[in-house]
PDB file of N, CA and C in Angstrom:
ATOM      1  N   MET A   1     -14.979 -10.355   7.635  1.00  0.00           N
ATOM      2  CA  MET A   1     -13.916 -11.147   6.985  1.00  0.00           C
ATOM      3  C   MET A   1     -14.017 -12.605   6.871  1.00  0.00           C
ATOM      4  N   TYR A   2     -13.501 -13.206   6.029  1.00  0.00           N
ATOM      5  CA  TYR A   2     -13.727 -14.630   5.829  1.00  0.00           C
ATOM      6  C   TYR A   2     -12.217 -15.367   5.928  1.00  0.00           C
ATOM      7  N   PRO A   3     -11.757 -15.494   7.128  1.00  0.00           N
ATOM      8  CA  PRO A   3     -10.541 -16.052   7.428  1.00  0.00           C
ATOM      9  C   PRO A   3     -10.187 -17.311   6.672  1.00  0.00           C
ATOM     10  N   ASP A   4     -11.261 -18.224   6.475  1.00  0.00           N
ATOM     11  CA  ASP A   4     -11.037 -19.542   5.690  1.00  0.00           C
ATOM     12  C   ASP A   4     -10.767 -19.212   4.214  1.00  0.00           C
ATOM     13  N   ARG A   5     -10.989 -18.035   3.814  1.00  0.00           N
ATOM     14  CA  ARG A   5     -10.725 -17.772   2.385  1.00  0.00           C
ATOM     15  C   ARG A   5      -9.748 -16.773   2.089  1.00  0.00           C
ATOM     16  N   THR A   6      -9.424 -15.952   3.154  1.00  0.00           N
ATOM     17  CA  THR A   6      -8.405 -14.862   3.048  1.00  0.00           C
ATOM     18  C   THR A   6      -6.956 -15.550   3.100  1.00  0.00           C
ATOM     19  N   ILE A   7      -6.177 -15.213   2.064  1.00  0.00           N
ATOM     20  CA  ILE A   7      -4.817 -15.694   1.971  1.00  0.00           C
ATOM     21  C   ILE A   7      -3.924 -14.870   2.859  1.00  0.00           C
ATOM     22  N   GLY A   8      -4.185 -13.511   2.905  1.00  0.00           N
ATOM     23  CA  GLY A   8      -3.310 -12.633   3.809  1.00  0.00           C
ATOM     24  C   GLY A   8      -3.633 -11.176   3.646  1.00  0.00           C
ATOM     25  N   LEU A   9      -3.425 -10.375   4.585  1.00  0.00           N
ATOM     26  CA  LEU A   9      -3.620  -9.007   4.493  1.00  0.00           C
ATOM     27  C   LEU A   9      -2.357  -8.295   4.095  1.00  0.00           C
ATOM     28  N   THR A  10      -2.670  -7.193   3.251  1.00  0.00           N
ATOM     29  CA  THR A  10      -1.572  -6.176   2.613  1.00  0.00           C
ATOM     30  C   THR A  10      -1.100  -5.242   3.715  1.00  0.00           C
ATOM     31  N   SER A  11      -1.966  -5.043   4.842  1.00  0.00           N
ATOM     32  CA  SER A  11      -1.769  -4.150   5.808  1.00  0.00           C
ATOM     33  C   SER A  11      -0.482  -4.297   6.678  1.00  0.00           C
ATOM     34  N   ARG A  12      -0.141  -3.259   7.211  1.00  0.00           N
ATOM     35  CA  ARG A  12       1.028  -3.321   8.285  1.00  0.00           C
ATOM     36  C   ARG A  12       0.949  -4.280   9.288  1.00  0.00           C
ATOM     37  N   GLU A  13      -0.255  -4.437   9.903  1.00  0.00           N
ATOM     38  CA  GLU A  13      -0.656  -5.043  11.005  1.00  0.00           C
ATOM     39  C   GLU A  13      -1.708  -5.908  10.795  1.00  0.00           C
ATOM     40  N   ARG A  14      -2.076  -6.979  11.584  1.00  0.00           N
ATOM     41  CA  ARG A  14      -3.207  -7.715  11.529  1.00  0.00           C
ATOM     42  C   ARG A  14      -4.469  -6.950  12.052  1.00  0.00           C
ATOM     43  N   LEU A  15      -5.713  -7.353  11.629  1.00  0.00           N
ATOM     44  CA  LEU A  15      -6.688  -6.455  11.875  1.00  0.00           C
ATOM     45  C   LEU A  15      -7.444  -7.059  13.217  1.00  0.00           C
ATOM     46  N   LEU A  16      -7.879  -6.243  14.124  1.00  0.00           N
ATOM     47  CA  LEU A  16      -8.565  -6.519  15.210  1.00  0.00           C
ATOM     48  C   LEU A  16      -9.959  -7.544  14.844  1.00  0.00           C
ATOM     49  N   SER A  17     -10.502  -7.301  13.728  1.00  0.00           N
ATOM     50  CA  SER A  17     -11.608  -7.825  13.219  1.00  0.00           C
ATOM     51  C   SER A  17     -11.421  -9.208  12.653  1.00  0.00           C
ATOM     52  N   ALA A  18     -10.092  -9.433  12.364  1.00  0.00           N
ATOM     53  CA  ALA A  18      -9.785 -10.805  11.943  1.00  0.00           C
ATOM     54  C   ALA A  18      -8.204 -11.204  12.233  1.00  0.00           C
ATOM     55  N   PRO A  19      -8.188 -11.290  13.637  1.00  0.00           N
ATOM     56  CA  PRO A  19      -6.846 -11.608  14.223  1.00  0.00           C
ATOM     57  C   PRO A  19      -6.094 -12.704  13.871  1.00  0.00           C
ATOM     58  N   ALA A  20      -6.762 -13.736  13.351  1.00  0.00           N
ATOM     59  CA  ALA A  20      -6.168 -15.065  12.807  1.00  0.00           C
ATOM     60  C   ALA A  20      -5.735 -15.006  11.449  1.00  0.00           C
ATOM     61  N   VAL A  21      -6.170 -13.882  10.662  1.00  0.00           N
ATOM     62  CA  VAL A  21      -5.310 -13.662   9.444  1.00  0.00           C
ATOM     63  C   VAL A  21      -4.166 -12.947   9.459  1.00  0.00           C
ATOM     64  N   ALA A  22      -3.068 -13.589   8.892  1.00  0.00           N
ATOM     65  CA  ALA A  22      -1.790 -13.233   8.875  1.00  0.00           C
ATOM     66  C   ALA A  22      -1.729 -12.017   7.862  1.00  0.00           C
ATOM     67  N   THR A  23      -0.725 -11.207   8.019  1.00  0.00           N
ATOM     68  CA  THR A  23      -0.185 -10.190   6.987  1.00  0.00           C
ATOM     69  C   THR A  23       0.708 -10.835   6.125  1.00  0.00           C
ATOM     70  N   MET A  24       0.808 -10.295   4.847  1.00  0.00           N
ATOM     71  CA  MET A  24       1.719 -10.763   3.861  1.00  0.00           C
ATOM     72  C   MET A  24       2.993 -10.570   4.318  1.00  0.00           C
ATOM     73  N   ALA A  25       3.448  -9.452   5.102  1.00  0.00           N
ATOM     74  CA  ALA A  25       4.723  -9.279   5.516  1.00  0.00           C
ATOM     75  C   ALA A  25       5.114 -10.210   6.411  1.00  0.00           C
ATOM     76  N   GLU A  26       4.312 -11.080   7.014  1.00  0.00           N
ATOM     77  CA  GLU A  26       4.828 -12.002   8.005  1.00  0.00           C
ATOM     78  C   GLU A  26       5.570 -13.067   7.321  1.00  0.00           C
ATOM     79  N   ALA A  27       5.085 -13.322   5.779  1.00  0.00           N
ATOM     80  CA  ALA A  27       5.853 -14.401   5.125  1.00  0.00           C
ATOM     81  C   ALA A  27       6.893 -13.782   4.173  1.00  0.00           C
ATOM     82  N   ILE A  28       6.495 -12.484   3.729  1.00  0.00           N
ATOM     83  CA  ILE A  28       7.369 -11.783   2.545  1.00  0.00           C
ATOM     84  C   ILE A  28       7.761 -10.482   3.239  1.00  0.00           C
ATOM     85  N   PRO A  29       8.873 -10.418   3.754  1.00  0.00           N
ATOM     86  CA  PRO A  29       9.391  -9.033   4.448  1.00  0.00           C
ATOM     87  C   PRO A  29       9.134  -7.919   3.602  1.00  0.00           C
ATOM     88  N   ASP A  30       8.511  -6.862   4.085  1.00  0.00           N
ATOM     89  CA  ASP A  30       8.300  -5.607   3.391  1.00  0.00           C
ATOM     90  C   ASP A  30       7.201  -5.582   2.353  1.00  0.00           C
ATOM     91  N   PHE A  31       6.421  -6.653   2.391  1.00  0.00           N
ATOM     92  CA  PHE A  31       5.070  -6.657   1.431  1.00  0.00           C
ATOM     93  C   PHE A  31       4.101  -5.929   2.163  1.00  0.00           C
ATOM     94  N   ILE A  32       3.906  -4.638   1.867  1.00  0.00           N
ATOM     95  CA  ILE A  32       2.958  -3.835   2.451  1.00  0.00           C
ATOM     96  C   ILE A  32       2.328  -3.037   1.427  1.00  0.00           C
ATOM     97  N   VAL A  33       1.139  -3.233   1.190  1.00  0.00           N
ATOM     98  CA  VAL A  33       0.306  -2.255   0.181  1.00  0.00           C
ATOM     99  C   VAL A  33      -0.784  -1.816   0.775  1.00  0.00           C
ATOM    100  N   THR A  34      -0.989  -0.554   1.115  1.00  0.00           N
ATOM    101  CA  THR A  34      -2.277  -0.056   1.624  1.00  0.00           C
ATOM    102  C   THR A  34      -2.861   0.861   0.766  1.00  0.00           C
ATOM    103  N   ASN A  35      -4.173   1.050   0.955  1.00  0.00           N
ATOM    104  CA  ASN A  35      -5.055   2.125   0.390  1.00  0.00           C
ATOM    105  C   ASN A  35      -5.182   3.259   1.497  1.00  0.00           C
ATOM    106  N   ASP A  36      -4.599   4.354   1.388  1.00  0.00           N
ATOM    107  CA  ASP A  36      -4.715   5.259   2.457  1.00  0.00           C
ATOM    108  C   ASP A  36      -5.575   6.627   1.868  1.00  0.00           C
ATOM    109  N   LEU A  37      -6.187   7.115   2.878  1.00  0.00           N
ATOM    110  CA  LEU A  37      -7.059   8.304   2.574  1.00  0.00           C
ATOM    111  C   LEU A  37      -6.315   9.340   3.560  1.00  0.00           C
ATOM    112  N   PHE A  38      -6.153  10.608   2.862  1.00  0.00           N
ATOM    113  CA  PHE A  38      -5.656  11.665   3.646  1.00  0.00           C
ATOM    114  C   PHE A  38      -6.507  12.721   3.562  1.00  0.00           C
ATOM    115  N   PHE A  39      -6.459  13.883   4.478  1.00  0.00           N
ATOM    116  CA  PHE A  39      -7.018  15.022   4.425  1.00  0.00           C
ATOM    117  C   PHE A  39      -5.853  15.904   4.068  1.00  0.00           C
ATOM    118  N   LEU A  40      -5.758  16.660   2.915  1.00  0.00           N
ATOM    119  CA  LEU A  40      -4.834  17.610   2.571  1.00  0.00           C
ATOM    120  C   LEU A  40      -5.200  18.895   2.481  1.00  0.00           C
ATOM    121  N   ALA A  41      -4.246  19.858   2.672  1.00  0.00           N
ATOM    122  CA  ALA A  41      -4.571  21.246   2.644  1.00  0.00           C
ATOM    123  C   ALA A  41      -3.838  21.969   1.538  1.00  0.00           C
ATOM    124  N   PRO A  42      -4.121  23.033   0.759  1.00  0.00           N
ATOM    125  CA  PRO A  42      -3.425  23.563  -0.135  1.00  0.00           C
ATOM    126  C   PRO A  42      -2.110  24.180   0.315  1.00  0.00           C
ATOM    127  N   ALA A  43      -1.254  24.285  -0.381  1.00  0.00           N
ATOM    128  CA  ALA A  43       0.123  24.868   0.029  1.00  0.00           C
ATOM    129  C   ALA A  43       0.031  26.344   0.280  1.00  0.00           C
ATOM    130  N   GLY A  44       0.653  26.716   1.370  1.00  0.00           N
ATOM    131  CA  GLY A  44       0.526  28.123   1.744  1.00  0.00           C
ATOM    132  C   GLY A  44      -0.652  28.398   2.588  1.00  0.00           C
ATOM    133  N   ILE A  45      -1.387  27.513   3.136  1.00  0.00           N
ATOM    134  CA  ILE A  45      -2.478  27.789   3.953  1.00  0.00           C
ATOM    135  C   ILE A  45      -1.674  28.403   5.271  1.00  0.00           C
ATOM    136  N   PRO A  46      -2.434  29.377   5.869  1.00  0.00           N
ATOM    137  CA  PRO A  46      -1.971  29.912   7.136  1.00  0.00           C
ATOM    138  C   PRO A  46      -1.918  29.006   8.186  1.00  0.00           C
ATOM    139  N   SER A  47      -0.881  28.982   8.803  1.00  0.00           N
ATOM    140  CA  SER A  47      -0.654  27.951   9.844  1.00  0.00           C
ATOM    141  C   SER A  47      -1.718  27.833  10.991  1.00  0.00           C
ATOM    142  N   ALA A  48      -2.371  29.069  11.416  1.00  0.00           N
ATOM    143  CA  ALA A  48      -3.409  29.112  12.196  1.00  0.00           C
ATOM    144  C   ALA A  48      -4.604  28.327  11.754  1.00  0.00           C
ATOM    145  N   ALA A  49      -4.911  28.479  10.488  1.00  0.00           N
ATOM    146  CA  ALA A  49      -6.100  27.760   9.761  1.00  0.00           C
ATOM    147  C   ALA A  49      -5.665  26.243   9.726  1.00  0.00           C
ATOM    148  N   LEU A  50      -4.491  25.906   9.450  1.00  0.00           N
ATOM    149  CA  LEU A  50      -4.188  24.597   9.286  1.00  0.00           C
ATOM    150  C   LEU A  50      -4.239  23.804  10.636  1.00  0.00           C
ATOM    151  N   GLN A  51      -3.763  24.567  11.636  1.00  0.00           N
ATOM    152  CA  GLN A  51      -3.859  23.934  13.006  1.00  0.00           C
ATOM    153  C   GLN A  51      -5.297  23.747  13.503  1.00  0.00           C
ATOM    154  N   ARG A  52      -6.198  24.801  13.240  1.00  0.00           N
ATOM    155  CA  ARG A  52      -7.619  24.572  13.614  1.00  0.00           C
ATOM    156  C   ARG A  52      -8.308  23.379  12.828  1.00  0.00           C
ATOM    157  N   VAL A  53      -8.057  23.268  11.601  1.00  0.00           N
ATOM    158  CA  VAL A  53      -8.553  22.081  10.847  1.00  0.00           C
ATOM    159  C   VAL A  53      -8.027  20.769  11.309  1.00  0.00           C
ATOM    160  N   SER A  54      -6.743  20.882  11.507  1.00  0.00           N
ATOM    161  CA  SER A  54      -6.022  19.586  11.992  1.00  0.00           C
ATOM    162  C   SER A  54      -6.678  19.152  13.400  1.00  0.00           C
ATOM    163  N   ASP A  55      -6.720  20.126  14.285  1.00  0.00           N
ATOM    164  CA  ASP A  55      -7.296  19.831  15.569  1.00  0.00           C
ATOM    165  C   ASP A  55      -8.733  19.250  15.523  1.00  0.00           C
ATOM    166  N   ALA A  56      -9.520  19.675  14.592  1.00  0.00           N
ATOM    167  CA  ALA A  56     -10.932  19.273  14.395  1.00  0.00           C
ATOM    168  C   ALA A  56     -10.935  17.995  13.783  1.00  0.00           C
ATOM    169  N   LEU A  57      -9.997  17.673  12.878  1.00  0.00           N
ATOM    170  CA  LEU A  57      -9.917  16.275  12.254  1.00  0.00           C
ATOM    171  C   LEU A  57      -9.520  15.159  13.315  1.00  0.00           C
ATOM    172  N   LYS A  58      -8.399  15.583  14.112  1.00  0.00           N
ATOM    173  CA  LYS A  58      -7.914  14.857  15.143  1.00  0.00           C
ATOM    174  C   LYS A  58      -9.100  14.503  16.180  1.00  0.00           C
ATOM    175  N   ALA A  59      -9.776  15.496  16.275  1.00  0.00           N
ATOM    176  CA  ALA A  59     -10.985  15.120  17.405  1.00  0.00           C
ATOM    177  C   ALA A  59     -11.966  14.183  16.779  1.00  0.00           C
ATOM    178  N   VAL A  60     -12.177  14.498  15.510  1.00  0.00           N
ATOM    179  CA  VAL A  60     -13.316  13.498  14.803  1.00  0.00           C
ATOM    180  C   VAL A  60     -12.763  11.963  14.733  1.00  0.00           C
ATOM    181  N   LEU A  61     -11.366  11.911  14.465  1.00  0.00           N
ATOM    182  CA  LEU A  61     -10.924  10.553  14.198  1.00  0.00           C
ATOM    183  C   LEU A  61     -10.674   9.895  15.618  1.00  0.00           C
ATOM    184  N   ALA A  62     -10.779  10.417  16.690  1.00  0.00           N
ATOM    185  CA  ALA A  62     -10.629   9.892  17.897  1.00  0.00           C
ATOM    186  C   ALA A  62     -11.897   9.529  18.432  1.00  0.00           C
ATOM    187  N   GLN A  63     -13.014   9.615  17.846  1.00  0.00           N
ATOM    188  CA  GLN A  63     -14.421   9.164  18.217  1.00  0.00           C
ATOM    189  C   GLN A  63     -14.357   7.664  18.115  1.00  0.00           C
ATOM    190  N   LYS A  64     -14.617   7.104  19.282  1.00  0.00           N
ATOM    191  CA  LYS A  64     -14.562   5.556  19.259  1.00  0.00           C
ATOM    192  C   LYS A  64     -15.595   4.972  18.496  1.00  0.00           C
ATOM    193  N   ASP A  65     -16.883   5.515  18.330  1.00  0.00           N
ATOM    194  CA  ASP A  65     -17.795   5.032  17.336  1.00  0.00           C
ATOM    195  C   ASP A  65     -17.216   4.938  15.855  1.00  0.00           C
ATOM    196  N   LEU A  66     -16.731   6.029  15.477  1.00  0.00           N
ATOM    197  CA  LEU A  66     -16.136   6.200  14.217  1.00  0.00           C
ATOM    198  C   LEU A  66     -15.086   5.199  13.845  1.00  0.00           C
ATOM    199  N   VAL A  67     -14.092   5.140  14.828  1.00  0.00           N
ATOM    200  CA  VAL A  67     -12.965   4.043  14.784  1.00  0.00           C
ATOM    201  C   VAL A  67     -13.557   2.706  14.558  1.00  0.00           C
ATOM    202  N   GLN A  68     -14.569   2.306  15.481  1.00  0.00           N
ATOM    203  CA  GLN A  68     -15.167   1.060  15.425  1.00  0.00           C
ATOM    204  C   GLN A  68     -15.904   0.627  14.062  1.00  0.00           C
ATOM    205  N   ALA A  69     -16.629   1.692  13.692  1.00  0.00           N
ATOM    206  CA  ALA A  69     -17.279   1.479  12.341  1.00  0.00           C
ATOM    207  C   ALA A  69     -16.302   1.260  11.212  1.00  0.00           C
ATOM    208  N   TYR A  70     -15.197   1.890  11.236  1.00  0.00           N
ATOM    209  CA  TYR A  70     -14.102   1.658  10.211  1.00  0.00           C
ATOM    210  C   TYR A  70     -13.437   0.373  10.525  1.00  0.00           C
ATOM    211  N   LEU A  71     -13.147   0.005  11.612  1.00  0.00           N
ATOM    212  CA  LEU A  71     -12.632  -1.421  12.007  1.00  0.00           C
ATOM    213  C   LEU A  71     -13.437  -2.429  11.498  1.00  0.00           C
ATOM    214  N   ALA A  72     -14.734  -2.388  11.640  1.00  0.00           N
ATOM    215  CA  ALA A  72     -15.637  -3.334  11.330  1.00  0.00           C
ATOM    216  C   ALA A  72     -15.614  -3.526   9.799  1.00  0.00           C
ATOM    217  N   GLN A  73     -15.200  -2.651   8.979  1.00  0.00           N
ATOM    218  CA  GLN A  73     -15.091  -2.557   7.609  1.00  0.00           C
ATOM    219  C   GLN A  73     -13.759  -3.059   7.193  1.00  0.00           C
ATOM    220  N   GLY A  74     -12.824  -3.270   8.286  1.00  0.00           N
ATOM    221  CA  GLY A  74     -11.443  -3.606   7.827  1.00  0.00           C
ATOM    222  C   GLY A  74     -10.372  -2.469   7.538  1.00  0.00           C
ATOM    223  N   ALA A  75     -10.886  -1.326   8.016  1.00  0.00           N
ATOM    224  CA  ALA A  75      -9.842  -0.231   7.791  1.00  0.00           C
ATOM    225  C   ALA A  75      -9.476   0.219   9.148  1.00  0.00           C
ATOM    226  N   ILE A  76      -8.179   0.702   9.048  1.00  0.00           N
ATOM    227  CA  ILE A  76      -7.648   1.139  10.351  1.00  0.00           C
ATOM    228  C   ILE A  76      -7.463   2.679  10.274  1.00  0.00           C
ATOM    229  N   VAL A  77      -7.878   3.382  11.368  1.00  0.00           N
ATOM    230  CA  VAL A  77      -7.981   4.638  11.491  1.00  0.00           C
ATOM    231  C   VAL A  77      -6.613   5.142  12.319  1.00  0.00           C
ATOM    232  N   GLU A  78      -5.717   6.013  11.567  1.00  0.00           N
ATOM    233  CA  GLU A  78      -4.577   6.392  12.275  1.00  0.00           C
ATOM    234  C   GLU A  78      -4.489   7.863  12.023  1.00  0.00           C
ATOM    235  N   TRP A  79      -4.087   8.469  13.184  1.00  0.00           N
ATOM    236  CA  TRP A  79      -3.762  10.106  12.878  1.00  0.00           C
ATOM    237  C   TRP A  79      -2.292  10.436  12.635  1.00  0.00           C
ATOM    238  N   ALA A  80      -2.019  11.393  11.891  1.00  0.00           N
ATOM    239  CA  ALA A  80      -0.691  11.744  11.563  1.00  0.00           C
ATOM    240  C   ALA A  80      -0.739  13.170  11.403  1.00  0.00           C
ATOM    241  N   GLY A  81       0.061  14.031  11.868  1.00  0.00           N
ATOM    242  CA  GLY A  81       0.102  15.477  11.803  1.00  0.00           C
ATOM    243  C   GLY A  81       0.779  15.738  10.470  1.00  0.00           C
ATOM    244  N   ALA A  82       0.819  17.055  10.104  1.00  0.00           N
ATOM    245  CA  ALA A  82       1.276  17.365   8.746  1.00  0.00           C
ATOM    246  C   ALA A  82       2.639  16.999   8.594  1.00  0.00           C
ATOM    247  N   ASP A  83       3.653  17.186   9.307  1.00  0.00           N
ATOM    248  CA  ASP A  83       4.991  16.832   9.128  1.00  0.00           C
ATOM    249  C   ASP A  83       5.140  15.382   8.850  1.00  0.00           C
ATOM    250  N   GLU A  84       4.525  14.545   9.798  1.00  0.00           N
ATOM    251  CA  GLU A  84       4.601  13.107   9.800  1.00  0.00           C
ATOM    252  C   GLU A  84       3.940  12.508   8.428  1.00  0.00           C
ATOM    253  N   LEU A  85       2.884  13.127   8.098  1.00  0.00           N
ATOM    254  CA  LEU A  85       2.156  12.611   6.791  1.00  0.00           C
ATOM    255  C   LEU A  85       3.086  13.033   5.660  1.00  0.00           C
ATOM    256  N   ALA A  86       3.700  14.289   5.612  1.00  0.00           N
ATOM    257  CA  ALA A  86       4.466  14.660   4.472  1.00  0.00           C
ATOM    258  C   ALA A  86       5.601  13.638   4.316  1.00  0.00           C
ATOM    259  N   ALA A  87       6.190  13.308   5.400  1.00  0.00           N
ATOM    260  CA  ALA A  87       7.405  12.405   5.478  1.00  0.00           C
ATOM    261  C   ALA A  87       6.922  10.999   4.937  1.00  0.00           C
ATOM    262  N   ARG A  88       5.817  10.572   5.335  1.00  0.00           N
ATOM    263  CA  ARG A  88       5.163   9.278   4.930  1.00  0.00           C
ATOM    264  C   ARG A  88       4.989   9.379   3.395  1.00  0.00           C
ATOM    265  N   ILE A  89       4.483  10.287   2.820  1.00  0.00           N
ATOM    266  CA  ILE A  89       3.995  10.593   1.504  1.00  0.00           C
ATOM    267  C   ILE A  89       5.402  10.388   0.682  1.00  0.00           C
ATOM    268  N   ASN A  90       6.361  11.245   1.232  1.00  0.00           N
ATOM    269  CA  ASN A  90       7.677  11.170   0.440  1.00  0.00           C
ATOM    270  C   ASN A  90       8.319   9.816   0.595  1.00  0.00           C
ATOM    271  N   ARG A  91       8.161   9.156   1.538  1.00  0.00           N
ATOM    272  CA  ARG A  91       8.781   7.724   1.521  1.00  0.00           C
ATOM    273  C   ARG A  91       8.078   6.759   0.791  1.00  0.00           C
ATOM    274  N   ASP A  92       6.738   6.853   0.718  1.00  0.00           N
ATOM    275  CA  ASP A  92       5.937   6.188  -0.225  1.00  0.00           C
ATOM    276  C   ASP A  92       6.286   6.385  -1.787  1.00  0.00           C
ATOM    277  N   ILE A  93       6.424   7.757  -2.118  1.00  0.00           N
ATOM    278  CA  ILE A  93       6.828   8.192  -3.392  1.00  0.00           C
ATOM    279  C   ILE A  93       8.220   7.564  -3.874  1.00  0.00           C
ATOM    280  N   ALA A  94       9.162   7.502  -2.961  1.00  0.00           N
ATOM    281  CA  ALA A  94      10.504   6.843  -3.100  1.00  0.00           C
ATOM    282  C   ALA A  94      10.225   5.466  -3.312  1.00  0.00           C
ATOM    283  N   ARG A  95       9.638   4.870  -2.410  1.00  0.00           N
ATOM    284  CA  ARG A  95       9.517   3.323  -2.546  1.00  0.00           C
ATOM    285  C   ARG A  95       8.757   2.855  -3.887  1.00  0.00           C
ATOM    286  N   TRP A  96       7.669   3.465  -4.168  1.00  0.00           N
ATOM    287  CA  TRP A  96       6.968   3.102  -5.504  1.00  0.00           C
ATOM    288  C   TRP A  96       7.722   3.467  -6.564  1.00  0.00           C
ATOM    289  N   THR A  97       8.358   4.613  -6.553  1.00  0.00           N
ATOM    290  CA  THR A  97       9.331   5.004  -7.688  1.00  0.00           C
ATOM    291  C   THR A  97      10.391   3.805  -8.023  1.00  0.00           C
ATOM    292  N   SER A  98      10.960   3.626  -6.894  1.00  0.00           N
ATOM    293  CA  SER A  98      11.994   2.329  -6.986  1.00  0.00           C
ATOM    294  C   SER A  98      11.364   1.059  -7.421  1.00  0.00           C
ATOM    295  N   ILE A  99      10.314   0.688  -7.086  1.00  0.00           N
ATOM    296  CA  ILE A  99       9.620  -0.560  -7.466  1.00  0.00           C
ATOM    297  C   ILE A  99       9.298  -0.441  -8.922  1.00  0.00           C
ATOM    298  N   ALA A 100       8.830   0.652  -9.529  1.00  0.00           N
ATOM    299  CA  ALA A 100       8.346   0.896 -10.784  1.00  0.00           C
ATOM    300  C   ALA A 100       9.648   0.991 -11.664  1.00  0.00           C
ATOM    301  N   LYS A 101      10.757   1.555 -11.319  1.00  0.00           N
ATOM    302  CA  LYS A 101      11.920   1.442 -12.061  1.00  0.00           C
ATOM    303  C   LYS A 101      12.489   0.137 -12.190  1.00  0.00           C
ATOM    304  N   GLY A 102      12.598  -0.555 -11.066  1.00  0.00           N
ATOM    305  CA  GLY A 102      13.047  -1.986 -10.843  1.00  0.00           C
ATOM    306  C   GLY A 102      12.340  -3.020 -11.778  1.00  0.00           C
ATOM    307  N   ALA A 103      11.081  -2.677 -12.106  1.00  0.00           N
ATOM    308  CA  ALA A 103      10.163  -3.535 -12.878  1.00  0.00           C
ATOM    309  C   ALA A 103       9.999  -3.106 -14.290  1.00  0.00           C
ATOM    310  N   SER A 104      10.842  -1.960 -14.594  1.00  0.00           N
ATOM    311  CA  SER A 104      10.820  -1.151 -15.938  1.00  0.00           C
ATOM    312  C   SER A 104       9.570  -0.658 -16.473  1.00  0.00           C
ATOM    313  N   ILE A 105       8.861  -0.297 -15.467  1.00  0.00           N
ATOM    314  CA  ILE A 105       7.388   0.400 -15.711  1.00  0.00           C
ATOM    315  C   ILE A 105       7.662   1.704 -16.028  1.00  0.00           C
ATOM    316  N   GLN A 106       7.179   2.007 -17.311  1.00  0.00           N
ATOM    317  CA  GLN A 106       7.260   3.576 -17.711  1.00  0.00           C
ATOM    318  C   GLN A 106       6.031   4.293 -17.477  1.00  0.00           C
ATOM    319  N   PRO A 107       6.179   5.605 -16.997  1.00  0.00           N
ATOM    320  CA  PRO A 107       5.007   6.385 -16.898  1.00  0.00           C
ATOM    321  C   PRO A 107       4.335   6.472 -18.145  1.00  0.00           C
ATOM    322  N   GLU A 108       2.929   6.761 -18.101  1.00  0.00           N
ATOM    323  CA  GLU A 108       2.083   6.828 -19.271  1.00  0.00           C
ATOM    324  C   GLU A 108       1.350   8.089 -19.250  1.00  0.00           C
TER     325      GLU A 108
END
């Protein structure tokens, strides 16, 4: 990171790798724009299979060396279960739909 060149982070929180760099939300409330990566399963996946995959992914994402490697690149590793993730995606859809409509952006 280059704190002397960075204006602000669009993440929810300051990064451990650049604690002196403020988030944009510290100056402009609700200014949060993130690039998120999810592992998604097809609709109708058997709950036992979903649980096995979920447990395996959670274990991988808990590995300290993996988390540190992502943090070094400015990425934050967070775990969310299926219900929590679905709620988050639905909130994001509602938020960005409202922003697009407010800016008169039409789907293409």
